[in-house]
Structures are given as structure tokens and as C-alpha cells.
């Protein structure tokens, strides 16, 4: 009996999931910029935004060294787990994004357009 039945078609089989297409606009248009405070709940909210495709520009200037190290390691690990990376903008500011957000080149343009430190 099983030989003559048609295989059921998977409804997700024909979906176009090409991540190179910009279905959400330029990555640089979705950047979230924050001056970090010592707040684990807010850090988790930012992590959720990162996982959902919003690049983060985080400034750790107002934190003590131990707090800043904790959050930098947290976001560095999160970016790495998402197959992304961190880019140092200056001594206390970093850009964190998934690999997909770097593909359109707008994040590189964003970083290159920032004023340089002396």
C-alpha cells in the first residue's frame, strides 16, 4: 500500500531563506546604541535584540573595570555563539553583531565613518 501513496510535500521546503537578501533593510539602520550600566536584566534584553538581528554599539565608559570586563566578555561570547564578532570602535566602545549583519557592508561603512581617536 505504501508504494503508491504520494509523499506529502513539506510546506517549508520551498521557502526562500536566503540571508544575503536584505529583507530587513541595511544592518546599520538597525543599530542599537547604549551606554552600559550594571543591569543584568537590561543586558539580557540587549542580547535578545542581538539574537534578533540588531547590531549593538555598547559603551562601557561609565562602569568600573570589573563590571565592564564582565559585560564585554558576555557580549563577546554571545556574538561568537551567534557566529558573529565584536569590533572595537575605541577604548571603551564596541560593536557586536551576528555574521549576517556584516554581509551587506553597511556596518563596515558605519565604523569607517566614525571619527578617529587621536
PDB file of N, CA and C in Angstrom:
ATOM      1  N   UNK A   1       0.805  -1.197   0.000  1.00  0.00           N
ATOM      2  CA  UNK A   1       0.000   0.000   0.000  1.00  0.00           C
ATOM      3  C   UNK A   1       0.850   1.262   0.000  1.00  0.00           C
ATOM      4  N   UNK A   2       1.947   1.288   0.732  1.00  0.00           N
ATOM      5  CA  UNK A   2       2.752   2.487   0.862  1.00  0.00           C
ATOM      6  C   UNK A   2       3.466   2.889  -0.412  1.00  0.00           C
ATOM      7  N   UNK A   3       3.600   1.986  -1.369  1.00  0.00           N
ATOM      8  CA  UNK A   3       4.336   2.298  -2.584  1.00  0.00           C
ATOM      9  C   UNK A   3       3.606   3.263  -3.499  1.00  0.00           C
ATOM     10  N   UNK A   4       2.293   3.320  -3.428  1.00  0.00           N
ATOM     11  CA  UNK A   4       1.528   4.101  -4.376  1.00  0.00           C
ATOM     12  C   UNK A   4       1.000   5.418  -3.817  1.00  0.00           C
ATOM     13  N   UNK A   5       1.335   5.711  -2.581  1.00  0.00           N
ATOM     14  CA  UNK A   5       0.888   6.973  -1.995  1.00  0.00           C
ATOM     15  C   UNK A   5       1.902   8.068  -2.293  1.00  0.00           C
ATOM     16  N   UNK A   6       1.405   9.255  -2.563  1.00  0.00           N
ATOM     17  CA  UNK A   6       2.294  10.388  -2.809  1.00  0.00           C
ATOM     18  C   UNK A   6       2.921  10.846  -1.507  1.00  0.00           C
ATOM     19  N   UNK A   7       4.165  11.242  -1.616  1.00  0.00           N
ATOM     20  CA  UNK A   7       4.853  11.803  -0.459  1.00  0.00           C
ATOM     21  C   UNK A   7       4.252  13.176  -0.171  1.00  0.00           C
ATOM     22  N   UNK A   8       3.950  13.431   1.084  1.00  0.00           N
ATOM     23  CA  UNK A   8       3.418  14.738   1.462  1.00  0.00           C
ATOM     24  C   UNK A   8       4.510  15.782   1.289  1.00  0.00           C
ATOM     25  N   UNK A   9       4.127  16.890   0.712  1.00  0.00           N
ATOM     26  CA  UNK A   9       5.081  17.960   0.478  1.00  0.00           C
ATOM     27  C   UNK A   9       5.292  18.757   1.756  1.00  0.00           C
ATOM     28  N   UNK A  10       6.536  19.016   2.046  1.00  0.00           N
ATOM     29  CA  UNK A  10       6.890  19.826   3.205  1.00  0.00           C
ATOM     30  C   UNK A  10       6.592  21.286   2.874  1.00  0.00           C
ATOM     31  N   UNK A  11       5.706  21.959   3.625  1.00  0.00           N
ATOM     32  CA  UNK A  11       5.347  23.347   3.293  1.00  0.00           C
ATOM     33  C   UNK A  11       6.518  24.318   3.422  1.00  0.00           C
ATOM     34  N   UNK A  12       7.554  23.935   4.144  1.00  0.00           N
ATOM     35  CA  UNK A  12       8.693  24.827   4.333  1.00  0.00           C
ATOM     36  C   UNK A  12       9.782  24.604   3.293  1.00  0.00           C
ATOM     37  N   UNK A  13       9.622  23.590   2.470  1.00  0.00           N
ATOM     38  CA  UNK A  13      10.651  23.212   1.517  1.00  0.00           C
ATOM     39  C   UNK A  13      10.932  24.305   0.496  1.00  0.00           C
ATOM     40  N   UNK A  14       9.917  24.995   0.049  1.00  0.00           N
ATOM     41  CA  UNK A  14      10.073  25.992  -0.999  1.00  0.00           C
ATOM     42  C   UNK A  14      10.301  27.407  -0.474  1.00  0.00           C
ATOM     43  N   UNK A  15      10.401  27.558   0.833  1.00  0.00           N
ATOM     44  CA  UNK A  15      10.596  28.897   1.388  1.00  0.00           C
ATOM     45  C   UNK A  15      11.986  29.406   1.055  1.00  0.00           C
ATOM     46  N   UNK A  16      12.084  30.651   0.685  1.00  0.00           N
ATOM     47  CA  UNK A  16      13.361  31.273   0.383  1.00  0.00           C
ATOM     48  C   UNK A  16      13.908  31.890   1.660  1.00  0.00           C
ATOM     49  N   UNK A  17      14.958  31.289   2.175  1.00  0.00           N
ATOM     50  CA  UNK A  17      15.550  31.777   3.416  1.00  0.00           C
ATOM     51  C   UNK A  17      16.941  32.330   3.177  1.00  0.00           C
ATOM     52  N   UNK A  18      17.167  32.954   2.031  1.00  0.00           N
ATOM     53  CA  UNK A  18      18.481  33.490   1.701  1.00  0.00           C
ATOM     54  C   UNK A  18      18.793  34.661   2.616  1.00  0.00           C
ATOM     55  N   UNK A  19      19.786  34.472   3.482  1.00  0.00           N
ATOM     56  CA  UNK A  19      20.138  35.519   4.440  1.00  0.00           C
ATOM     57  C   UNK A  19      20.897  36.663   3.790  1.00  0.00           C
ATOM     58  N   UNK A  20      21.376  36.475   2.557  1.00  0.00           N
ATOM     59  CA  UNK A  20      22.083  37.557   1.888  1.00  0.00           C
ATOM     60  C   UNK A  20      21.126  38.618   1.362  1.00  0.00           C
ATOM     61  N   UNK A  21      19.870  38.258   1.190  1.00  0.00           N
ATOM     62  CA  UNK A  21      18.893  39.250   0.769  1.00  0.00           C
ATOM     63  C   UNK A  21      18.586  40.160   1.942  1.00  0.00           C
ATOM     64  N   UNK A  22      18.441  41.424   1.650  1.00  0.00           N
ATOM     65  CA  UNK A  22      18.167  42.380   2.719  1.00  0.00           C
ATOM     66  C   UNK A  22      16.676  42.542   2.897  1.00  0.00           C
ATOM     67  N   UNK A  23      16.073  41.597   3.580  1.00  0.00           N
ATOM     68  CA  UNK A  23      14.644  41.669   3.837  1.00  0.00           C
ATOM     69  C   UNK A  23      14.320  42.674   4.937  1.00  0.00           C
ATOM     70  N   UNK A  24      15.313  43.096   5.690  1.00  0.00           N
ATOM     71  CA  UNK A  24      15.081  43.965   6.842  1.00  0.00           C
ATOM     72  C   UNK A  24      15.806  45.295   6.702  1.00  0.00           C
ATOM     73  N   UNK A  25      16.218  45.676   5.523  1.00  0.00           N
ATOM     74  CA  UNK A  25      16.957  46.906   5.340  1.00  0.00           C
ATOM     75  C   UNK A  25      18.419  46.730   5.698  1.00  0.00           C
ATOM     76  N   UNK A  26      19.139  47.837   5.679  1.00  0.00           N
ATOM     77  CA  UNK A  26      20.567  47.784   5.997  1.00  0.00           C
ATOM     78  C   UNK A  26      20.765  47.506   7.481  1.00  0.00           C
ATOM     79  N   UNK A  27      21.813  46.746   7.779  1.00  0.00           N
ATOM     80  CA  UNK A  27      22.127  46.424   9.174  1.00  0.00           C
ATOM     81  C   UNK A  27      22.418  47.692   9.969  1.00  0.00           C
ATOM     82  N   UNK A  28      23.049  48.668   9.329  1.00  0.00           N
ATOM     83  CA  UNK A  28      23.390  49.898  10.049  1.00  0.00           C
ATOM     84  C   UNK A  28      22.149  50.692  10.455  1.00  0.00           C
ATOM     85  N   UNK A  29      21.021  50.442   9.804  1.00  0.00           N
ATOM     86  CA  UNK A  29      19.771  51.117  10.176  1.00  0.00           C
ATOM     87  C   UNK A  29      19.135  50.514  11.423  1.00  0.00           C
ATOM     88  N   UNK A  30      19.605  49.329  11.828  1.00  0.00           N
ATOM     89  CA  UNK A  30      19.031  48.633  12.987  1.00  0.00           C
ATOM     90  C   UNK A  30      19.928  48.701  14.219  1.00  0.00           C
ATOM     91  N   UNK A  31      20.988  49.483  14.166  1.00  0.00           N
ATOM     92  CA  UNK A  31      21.941  49.543  15.278  1.00  0.00           C
ATOM     93  C   UNK A  31      21.272  50.105  16.532  1.00  0.00           C
ATOM     94  N   UNK A  32      21.538  49.450  17.647  1.00  0.00           N
ATOM     95  CA  UNK A  32      21.110  49.934  18.959  1.00  0.00           C
ATOM     96  C   UNK A  32      22.355  50.442  19.668  1.00  0.00           C
ATOM     97  N   UNK A  33      22.341  51.713  20.066  1.00  0.00           N
ATOM     98  CA  UNK A  33      23.482  52.308  20.772  1.00  0.00           C
ATOM     99  C   UNK A  33      23.108  52.511  22.225  1.00  0.00           C
ATOM    100  N   UNK A  34      23.958  52.015  23.112  1.00  0.00           N
ATOM    101  CA  UNK A  34      23.680  52.103  24.552  1.00  0.00           C
ATOM    102  C   UNK A  34      24.946  52.431  25.324  1.00  0.00           C
ATOM    103  N   UNK A  35      24.784  53.226  26.354  1.00  0.00           N
ATOM    104  CA  UNK A  35      25.831  53.392  27.354  1.00  0.00           C
ATOM    105  C   UNK A  35      25.481  52.414  28.467  1.00  0.00           C
ATOM    106  N   UNK A  36      26.340  51.424  28.673  1.00  0.00           N
ATOM    107  CA  UNK A  36      26.026  50.326  29.578  1.00  0.00           C
ATOM    108  C   UNK A  36      26.018  50.768  31.036  1.00  0.00           C
ATOM    109  N   UNK A  37      25.076  50.199  31.758  1.00  0.00           N
ATOM    110  CA  UNK A  37      25.009  50.329  33.208  1.00  0.00           C
ATOM    111  C   UNK A  37      25.023  48.918  33.777  1.00  0.00           C
ATOM    112  N   UNK A  38      25.260  48.815  35.065  1.00  0.00           N
ATOM    113  CA  UNK A  38      25.332  47.498  35.687  1.00  0.00           C
ATOM    114  C   UNK A  38      23.916  47.000  35.939  1.00  0.00           C
ATOM    115  N   UNK A  39      23.330  46.358  34.929  1.00  0.00           N
ATOM    116  CA  UNK A  39      21.947  45.882  34.990  1.00  0.00           C
ATOM    117  C   UNK A  39      21.834  44.614  34.146  1.00  0.00           C
ATOM    118  N   UNK A  40      21.812  43.464  34.814  1.00  0.00           N
ATOM    119  CA  UNK A  40      21.763  42.183  34.111  1.00  0.00           C
ATOM    120  C   UNK A  40      20.490  42.016  33.291  1.00  0.00           C
ATOM    121  N   UNK A  41      19.370  42.548  33.771  1.00  0.00           N
ATOM    122  CA  UNK A  41      18.108  42.432  33.040  1.00  0.00           C
ATOM    123  C   UNK A  41      18.192  43.173  31.714  1.00  0.00           C
ATOM    124  N   UNK A  42      18.752  44.375  31.743  1.00  0.00           N
ATOM    125  CA  UNK A  42      18.899  45.150  30.510  1.00  0.00           C
ATOM    126  C   UNK A  42      19.894  44.473  29.565  1.00  0.00           C
ATOM    127  N   UNK A  43      20.945  43.884  30.108  1.00  0.00           N
ATOM    128  CA  UNK A  43      21.919  43.170  29.278  1.00  0.00           C
ATOM    129  C   UNK A  43      21.248  42.007  28.554  1.00  0.00           C
ATOM    130  N   UNK A  44      20.353  41.311  29.234  1.00  0.00           N
ATOM    131  CA  UNK A  44      19.636  40.203  28.592  1.00  0.00           C
ATOM    132  C   UNK A  44      18.712  40.716  27.487  1.00  0.00           C
ATOM    133  N   UNK A  45      18.074  41.862  27.717  1.00  0.00           N
ATOM    134  CA  UNK A  45      17.223  42.456  26.681  1.00  0.00           C
ATOM    135  C   UNK A  45      18.054  42.826  25.451  1.00  0.00           C
ATOM    136  N   UNK A  46      19.251  43.369  25.690  1.00  0.00           N
ATOM    137  CA  UNK A  46      20.137  43.696  24.575  1.00  0.00           C
ATOM    138  C   UNK A  46      20.578  42.433  23.843  1.00  0.00           C
ATOM    139  N   UNK A  47      20.840  41.370  24.591  1.00  0.00           N
ATOM    140  CA  UNK A  47      21.205  40.094  23.977  1.00  0.00           C
ATOM    141  C   UNK A  47      20.075  39.590  23.084  1.00  0.00           C
ATOM    142  N   UNK A  48      18.838  39.700  23.543  1.00  0.00           N
ATOM    143  CA  UNK A  48      17.694  39.295  22.724  1.00  0.00           C
ATOM    144  C   UNK A  48      17.642  40.106  21.430  1.00  0.00           C
ATOM    145  N   UNK A  49      17.932  41.395  21.509  1.00  0.00           N
ATOM    146  CA  UNK A  49      17.967  42.238  20.312  1.00  0.00           C
ATOM    147  C   UNK A  49      19.069  41.786  19.367  1.00  0.00           C
ATOM    148  N   UNK A  50      20.229  41.452  19.919  1.00  0.00           N
ATOM    149  CA  UNK A  50      21.342  40.957  19.108  1.00  0.00           C
ATOM    150  C   UNK A  50      20.949  39.661  18.401  1.00  0.00           C
ATOM    151  N   UNK A  51      20.323  38.751  19.132  1.00  0.00           N
ATOM    152  CA  UNK A  51      19.889  37.477  18.540  1.00  0.00           C
ATOM    153  C   UNK A  51      18.862  37.697  17.438  1.00  0.00           C
ATOM    154  N   UNK A  52      18.069  38.754  17.543  1.00  0.00           N
ATOM    155  CA  UNK A  52      17.034  39.047  16.554  1.00  0.00           C
ATOM    156  C   UNK A  52      17.530  39.902  15.396  1.00  0.00           C
ATOM    157  N   UNK A  53      18.834  40.166  15.345  1.00  0.00           N
ATOM    158  CA  UNK A  53      19.399  40.839  14.182  1.00  0.00           C
ATOM    159  C   UNK A  53      19.719  42.305  14.325  1.00  0.00           C
ATOM    160  N   UNK A  54      19.672  42.851  15.525  1.00  0.00           N
ATOM    161  CA  UNK A  54      20.037  44.254  15.716  1.00  0.00           C
ATOM    162  C   UNK A  54      21.478  44.338  16.209  1.00  0.00           C
ATOM    163  N   UNK A  55      22.360  44.952  15.418  1.00  0.00           N
ATOM    164  CA  UNK A  55      23.730  45.148  15.892  1.00  0.00           C
ATOM    165  C   UNK A  55      23.727  46.072  17.107  1.00  0.00           C
ATOM    166  N   UNK A  56      24.677  45.866  18.001  1.00  0.00           N
ATOM    167  CA  UNK A  56      24.778  46.666  19.221  1.00  0.00           C
ATOM    168  C   UNK A  56      26.066  47.464  19.217  1.00  0.00           C
ATOM    169  N   UNK A  57      25.971  48.743  19.530  1.00  0.00           N
ATOM    170  CA  UNK A  57      27.140  49.566  19.817  1.00  0.00           C
ATOM    171  C   UNK A  57      27.037  49.906  21.292  1.00  0.00           C
ATOM    172  N   UNK A  58      27.948  49.325  22.075  1.00  0.00           N
ATOM    173  CA  UNK A  58      27.887  49.463  23.527  1.00  0.00           C
ATOM    174  C   UNK A  58      29.104  50.203  24.042  1.00  0.00           C
ATOM    175  N   UNK A  59      28.840  51.201  24.894  1.00  0.00           N
ATOM    176  CA  UNK A  59      29.897  51.982  25.524  1.00  0.00           C
ATOM    177  C   UNK A  59      29.963  51.584  26.990  1.00  0.00           C
ATOM    178  N   UNK A  60      31.154  51.181  27.430  1.00  0.00           N
ATOM    179  CA  UNK A  60      31.357  50.705  28.799  1.00  0.00           C
ATOM    180  C   UNK A  60      32.073  51.742  29.659  1.00  0.00           C
ATOM    181  N   UNK A  61      32.103  52.980  29.221  1.00  0.00           N
ATOM    182  CA  UNK A  61      32.871  54.040  29.869  1.00  0.00           C
ATOM    183  C   UNK A  61      32.443  54.322  31.305  1.00  0.00           C
ATOM    184  N   UNK A  62      31.163  54.260  31.617  1.00  0.00           N
ATOM    185  CA  UNK A  62      30.680  54.622  32.945  1.00  0.00           C
ATOM    186  C   UNK A  62      30.757  53.508  33.974  1.00  0.00           C
ATOM    187  N   UNK A  63      31.374  52.391  33.631  1.00  0.00           N
ATOM    188  CA  UNK A  63      31.423  51.244  34.537  1.00  0.00           C
ATOM    189  C   UNK A  63      32.833  51.088  35.103  1.00  0.00           C
ATOM    190  N   UNK A  64      32.911  50.441  36.287  1.00  0.00           N
ATOM    191  CA  UNK A  64      34.255  50.140  36.778  1.00  0.00           C
ATOM    192  C   UNK A  64      34.821  48.993  35.939  1.00  0.00           C
ATOM    193  N   UNK A  65      36.113  48.761  36.061  1.00  0.00           N
ATOM    194  CA  UNK A  65      36.805  47.803  35.207  1.00  0.00           C
ATOM    195  C   UNK A  65      36.233  46.389  35.320  1.00  0.00           C
ATOM    196  N   UNK A  66      35.923  45.954  36.538  1.00  0.00           N
ATOM    197  CA  UNK A  66      35.397  44.605  36.748  1.00  0.00           C
ATOM    198  C   UNK A  66      34.023  44.439  36.083  1.00  0.00           C
ATOM    199  N   UNK A  67      33.155  45.433  36.226  1.00  0.00           N
ATOM    200  CA  UNK A  67      31.832  45.376  35.604  1.00  0.00           C
ATOM    201  C   UNK A  67      31.950  45.390  34.079  1.00  0.00           C
ATOM    202  N   UNK A  68      32.792  46.279  33.573  1.00  0.00           N
ATOM    203  CA  UNK A  68      32.971  46.373  32.122  1.00  0.00           C
ATOM    204  C   UNK A  68      33.509  45.063  31.556  1.00  0.00           C
ATOM    205  N   UNK A  69      34.481  44.455  32.234  1.00  0.00           N
ATOM    206  CA  UNK A  69      35.032  43.172  31.776  1.00  0.00           C
ATOM    207  C   UNK A  69      33.957  42.095  31.731  1.00  0.00           C
ATOM    208  N   UNK A  70      33.094  42.080  32.733  1.00  0.00           N
ATOM    209  CA  UNK A  70      32.014  41.083  32.788  1.00  0.00           C
ATOM    210  C   UNK A  70      31.104  41.207  31.569  1.00  0.00           C
ATOM    211  N   UNK A  71      30.657  42.425  31.284  1.00  0.00           N
ATOM    212  CA  UNK A  71      29.730  42.618  30.175  1.00  0.00           C
ATOM    213  C   UNK A  71      30.417  42.478  28.819  1.00  0.00           C
ATOM    214  N   UNK A  72      31.652  42.921  28.710  1.00  0.00           N
ATOM    215  CA  UNK A  72      32.372  42.739  27.447  1.00  0.00           C
ATOM    216  C   UNK A  72      32.524  41.257  27.133  1.00  0.00           C
ATOM    217  N   UNK A  73      32.882  40.462  28.141  1.00  0.00           N
ATOM    218  CA  UNK A  73      33.013  39.014  27.944  1.00  0.00           C
ATOM    219  C   UNK A  73      31.662  38.389  27.599  1.00  0.00           C
ATOM    220  N   UNK A  74      30.609  38.854  28.251  1.00  0.00           N
ATOM    221  CA  UNK A  74      29.258  38.344  27.996  1.00  0.00           C
ATOM    222  C   UNK A  74      28.855  38.578  26.540  1.00  0.00           C
ATOM    223  N   UNK A  75      29.009  39.817  26.059  1.00  0.00           N
ATOM    224  CA  UNK A  75      28.591  40.131  24.695  1.00  0.00           C
ATOM    225  C   UNK A  75      29.548  39.550  23.657  1.00  0.00           C
ATOM    226  N   UNK A  76      30.840  39.458  23.984  1.00  0.00           N
ATOM    227  CA  UNK A  76      31.793  38.814  23.079  1.00  0.00           C
ATOM    228  C   UNK A  76      31.424  37.347  22.896  1.00  0.00           C
ATOM    229  N   UNK A  77      31.114  36.667  24.002  1.00  0.00           N
ATOM    230  CA  UNK A  77      30.709  35.270  23.930  1.00  0.00           C
ATOM    231  C   UNK A  77      29.407  35.086  23.181  1.00  0.00           C
ATOM    232  N   UNK A  78      28.469  35.992  23.406  1.00  0.00           N
ATOM    233  CA  UNK A  78      27.181  35.911  22.706  1.00  0.00           C
ATOM    234  C   UNK A  78      27.373  36.090  21.206  1.00  0.00           C
ATOM    235  N   UNK A  79      28.179  37.070  20.818  1.00  0.00           N
ATOM    236  CA  UNK A  79      28.429  37.295  19.391  1.00  0.00           C
ATOM    237  C   UNK A  79      29.107  36.076  18.768  1.00  0.00           C
ATOM    238  N   UNK A  80      30.072  35.506  19.471  1.00  0.00           N
ATOM    239  CA  UNK A  80      30.762  34.319  18.957  1.00  0.00           C
ATOM    240  C   UNK A  80      29.802  33.137  18.835  1.00  0.00           C
ATOM    241  N   UNK A  81      28.923  32.965  19.809  1.00  0.00           N
ATOM    242  CA  UNK A  81      27.951  31.870  19.767  1.00  0.00           C
ATOM    243  C   UNK A  81      26.975  32.037  18.604  1.00  0.00           C
ATOM    244  N   UNK A  82      26.745  33.269  18.193  1.00  0.00           N
ATOM    245  CA  UNK A  82      25.854  33.552  17.066  1.00  0.00           C
ATOM    246  C   UNK A  82      26.619  33.612  15.747  1.00  0.00           C
ATOM    247  N   UNK A  83      27.867  33.137  15.750  1.00  0.00           N
ATOM    248  CA  UNK A  83      28.746  33.150  14.584  1.00  0.00           C
ATOM    249  C   UNK A  83      29.007  34.584  14.120  1.00  0.00           C
ATOM    250  N   UNK A  84      29.055  35.498  15.080  1.00  0.00           N
ATOM    251  CA  UNK A  84      29.317  36.896  14.776  1.00  0.00           C
ATOM    252  C   UNK A  84      30.648  37.314  15.351  1.00  0.00           C
ATOM    253  N   UNK A  85      30.781  38.606  15.572  1.00  0.00           N
ATOM    254  CA  UNK A  85      32.041  39.091  16.130  1.00  0.00           C
ATOM    255  C   UNK A  85      31.848  40.454  16.782  1.00  0.00           C
ATOM    256  N   UNK A  86      32.908  40.863  17.468  1.00  0.00           N
ATOM    257  CA  UNK A  86      32.951  42.184  18.090  1.00  0.00           C
ATOM    258  C   UNK A  86      33.999  43.013  17.358  1.00  0.00           C
ATOM    259  N   UNK A  87      33.700  44.288  17.180  1.00  0.00           N
ATOM    260  CA  UNK A  87      34.636  45.215  16.551  1.00  0.00           C
ATOM    261  C   UNK A  87      34.876  46.349  17.534  1.00  0.00           C
ATOM    262  N   UNK A  88      36.142  46.591  17.844  1.00  0.00           N
ATOM    263  CA  UNK A  88      36.485  47.678  18.762  1.00  0.00           C
ATOM    264  C   UNK A  88      36.388  49.004  18.015  1.00  0.00           C
ATOM    265  N   UNK A  89      35.585  49.905  18.548  1.00  0.00           N
ATOM    266  CA  UNK A  89      35.436  51.230  17.955  1.00  0.00           C
ATOM    267  C   UNK A  89      36.425  52.191  18.599  1.00  0.00           C
ATOM    268  N   UNK A  90      36.512  52.147  19.914  1.00  0.00           N
ATOM    269  CA  UNK A  90      37.536  52.884  20.652  1.00  0.00           C
ATOM    270  C   UNK A  90      37.813  52.115  21.939  1.00  0.00           C
ATOM    271  N   UNK A  91      38.507  52.730  22.871  1.00  0.00           N
ATOM    272  CA  UNK A  91      38.939  52.017  24.076  1.00  0.00           C
ATOM    273  C   UNK A  91      37.782  51.443  24.891  1.00  0.00           C
ATOM    274  N   UNK A  92      36.640  52.099  24.881  1.00  0.00           N
ATOM    275  CA  UNK A  92      35.534  51.641  25.726  1.00  0.00           C
ATOM    276  C   UNK A  92      34.235  51.372  24.968  1.00  0.00           C
ATOM    277  N   UNK A  93      34.286  51.369  23.644  1.00  0.00           N
ATOM    278  CA  UNK A  93      33.088  51.174  22.835  1.00  0.00           C
ATOM    279  C   UNK A  93      33.317  50.063  21.815  1.00  0.00           C
ATOM    280  N   UNK A  94      32.337  49.159  21.738  1.00  0.00           N
ATOM    281  CA  UNK A  94      32.449  48.015  20.843  1.00  0.00           C
ATOM    282  C   UNK A  94      31.155  47.828  20.063  1.00  0.00           C
ATOM    283  N   UNK A  95      31.301  47.300  18.853  1.00  0.00           N
ATOM    284  CA  UNK A  95      30.174  46.903  18.019  1.00  0.00           C
ATOM    285  C   UNK A  95      30.086  45.387  18.068  1.00  0.00           C
ATOM    286  N   UNK A  96      28.901  44.861  18.387  1.00  0.00           N
ATOM    287  CA  UNK A  96      28.651  43.419  18.411  1.00  0.00           C
ATOM    288  C   UNK A  96      27.558  43.120  17.398  1.00  0.00           C
ATOM    289  N   UNK A  97      27.789  42.114  16.555  1.00  0.00           N
ATOM    290  CA  UNK A  97      26.776  41.753  15.562  1.00  0.00           C
ATOM    291  C   UNK A  97      26.974  40.314  15.106  1.00  0.00           C
ATOM    292  N   UNK A  98      25.884  39.742  14.603  1.00  0.00           N
ATOM    293  CA  UNK A  98      25.950  38.410  14.006  1.00  0.00           C
ATOM    294  C   UNK A  98      26.629  38.508  12.638  1.00  0.00           C
ATOM    295  N   UNK A  99      27.052  37.384  12.118  1.00  0.00           N
ATOM    296  CA  UNK A  99      27.705  37.349  10.813  1.00  0.00           C
ATOM    297  C   UNK A  99      26.799  37.927   9.729  1.00  0.00           C
ATOM    298  N   UNK A 100      25.526  37.614   9.783  1.00  0.00           N
ATOM    299  CA  UNK A 100      24.590  38.060   8.750  1.00  0.00           C
ATOM    300  C   UNK A 100      24.544  39.579   8.631  1.00  0.00           C
ATOM    301  N   UNK A 101      24.715  40.271   9.748  1.00  0.00           N
ATOM    302  CA  UNK A 101      24.644  41.731   9.711  1.00  0.00           C
ATOM    303  C   UNK A 101      25.880  42.355   9.063  1.00  0.00           C
ATOM    304  N   UNK A 102      26.982  41.627   8.998  1.00  0.00           N
ATOM    305  CA  UNK A 102      28.186  42.151   8.360  1.00  0.00           C
ATOM    306  C   UNK A 102      28.165  41.961   6.844  1.00  0.00           C
ATOM    307  N   UNK A 103      27.270  41.130   6.325  1.00  0.00           N
ATOM    308  CA  UNK A 103      27.289  40.768   4.910  1.00  0.00           C
ATOM    309  C   UNK A 103      26.981  41.926   3.970  1.00  0.00           C
ATOM    310  N   UNK A 104      26.129  42.855   4.356  1.00  0.00           N
ATOM    311  CA  UNK A 104      25.757  43.927   3.425  1.00  0.00           C
ATOM    312  C   UNK A 104      26.774  45.068   3.379  1.00  0.00           C
ATOM    313  N   UNK A 105      27.766  45.053   4.249  1.00  0.00           N
ATOM    314  CA  UNK A 105      28.813  46.070   4.226  1.00  0.00           C
ATOM    315  C   UNK A 105      28.455  47.366   4.927  1.00  0.00           C
ATOM    316  N   UNK A 106      27.216  47.518   5.363  1.00  0.00           N
ATOM    317  CA  UNK A 106      26.809  48.791   5.972  1.00  0.00           C
ATOM    318  C   UNK A 106      27.437  48.993   7.354  1.00  0.00           C
ATOM    319  N   UNK A 107      27.736  47.910   8.076  1.00  0.00           N
ATOM    320  CA  UNK A 107      28.386  48.072   9.386  1.00  0.00           C
ATOM    321  C   UNK A 107      29.826  48.538   9.222  1.00  0.00           C
ATOM    322  N   UNK A 108      30.505  48.033   8.199  1.00  0.00           N
ATOM    323  CA  UNK A 108      31.873  48.499   7.927  1.00  0.00           C
ATOM    324  C   UNK A 108      31.852  49.985   7.573  1.00  0.00           C
ATOM    325  N   UNK A 109      30.896  50.378   6.741  1.00  0.00           N
ATOM    326  CA  UNK A 109      30.756  51.797   6.397  1.00  0.00           C
ATOM    327  C   UNK A 109      30.480  52.630   7.643  1.00  0.00           C
ATOM    328  N   UNK A 110      29.637  52.120   8.531  1.00  0.00           N
ATOM    329  CA  UNK A 110      29.310  52.821   9.769  1.00  0.00           C
ATOM    330  C   UNK A 110      30.562  53.039  10.610  1.00  0.00           C
ATOM    331  N   UNK A 111      31.331  51.973  10.822  1.00  0.00           N
ATOM    332  CA  UNK A 111      32.545  52.065  11.647  1.00  0.00           C
ATOM    333  C   UNK A 111      33.580  52.958  10.971  1.00  0.00           C
ATOM    334  N   UNK A 112      33.757  52.812   9.661  1.00  0.00           N
ATOM    335  CA  UNK A 112      34.729  53.639   8.939  1.00  0.00           C
ATOM    336  C   UNK A 112      34.346  55.114   8.957  1.00  0.00           C
ATOM    337  N   UNK A 113      33.057  55.411   9.080  1.00  0.00           N
ATOM    338  CA  UNK A 113      32.591  56.794   9.096  1.00  0.00           C
ATOM    339  C   UNK A 113      32.662  57.476  10.451  1.00  0.00           C
ATOM    340  N   UNK A 114      33.028  56.728  11.489  1.00  0.00           N
ATOM    341  CA  UNK A 114      33.132  57.313  12.829  1.00  0.00           C
ATOM    342  C   UNK A 114      34.414  58.119  12.960  1.00  0.00           C
ATOM    343  N   UNK A 115      34.408  59.172  13.795  1.00  0.00           N
ATOM    344  CA  UNK A 115      35.637  59.949  13.998  1.00  0.00           C
ATOM    345  C   UNK A 115      36.726  59.074  14.613  1.00  0.00           C
ATOM    346  N   UNK A 116      37.943  59.283  14.167  1.00  0.00           N
ATOM    347  CA  UNK A 116      39.084  58.506  14.656  1.00  0.00           C
ATOM    348  C   UNK A 116      39.625  59.114  15.940  1.00  0.00           C
ATOM    349  N   UNK A 117      40.129  58.211  16.830  1.00  0.00           N
ATOM    350  CA  UNK A 117      40.762  58.666  18.074  1.00  0.00           C
ATOM    351  C   UNK A 117      42.152  59.201  17.764  1.00  0.00           C
ATOM    352  N   UNK A 118      42.580  60.173  18.530  1.00  0.00           N
ATOM    353  CA  UNK A 118      43.946  60.709  18.362  1.00  0.00           C
ATOM    354  C   UNK A 118      44.899  60.006  19.267  1.00  0.00           C
TER     355      UNK A 118
END
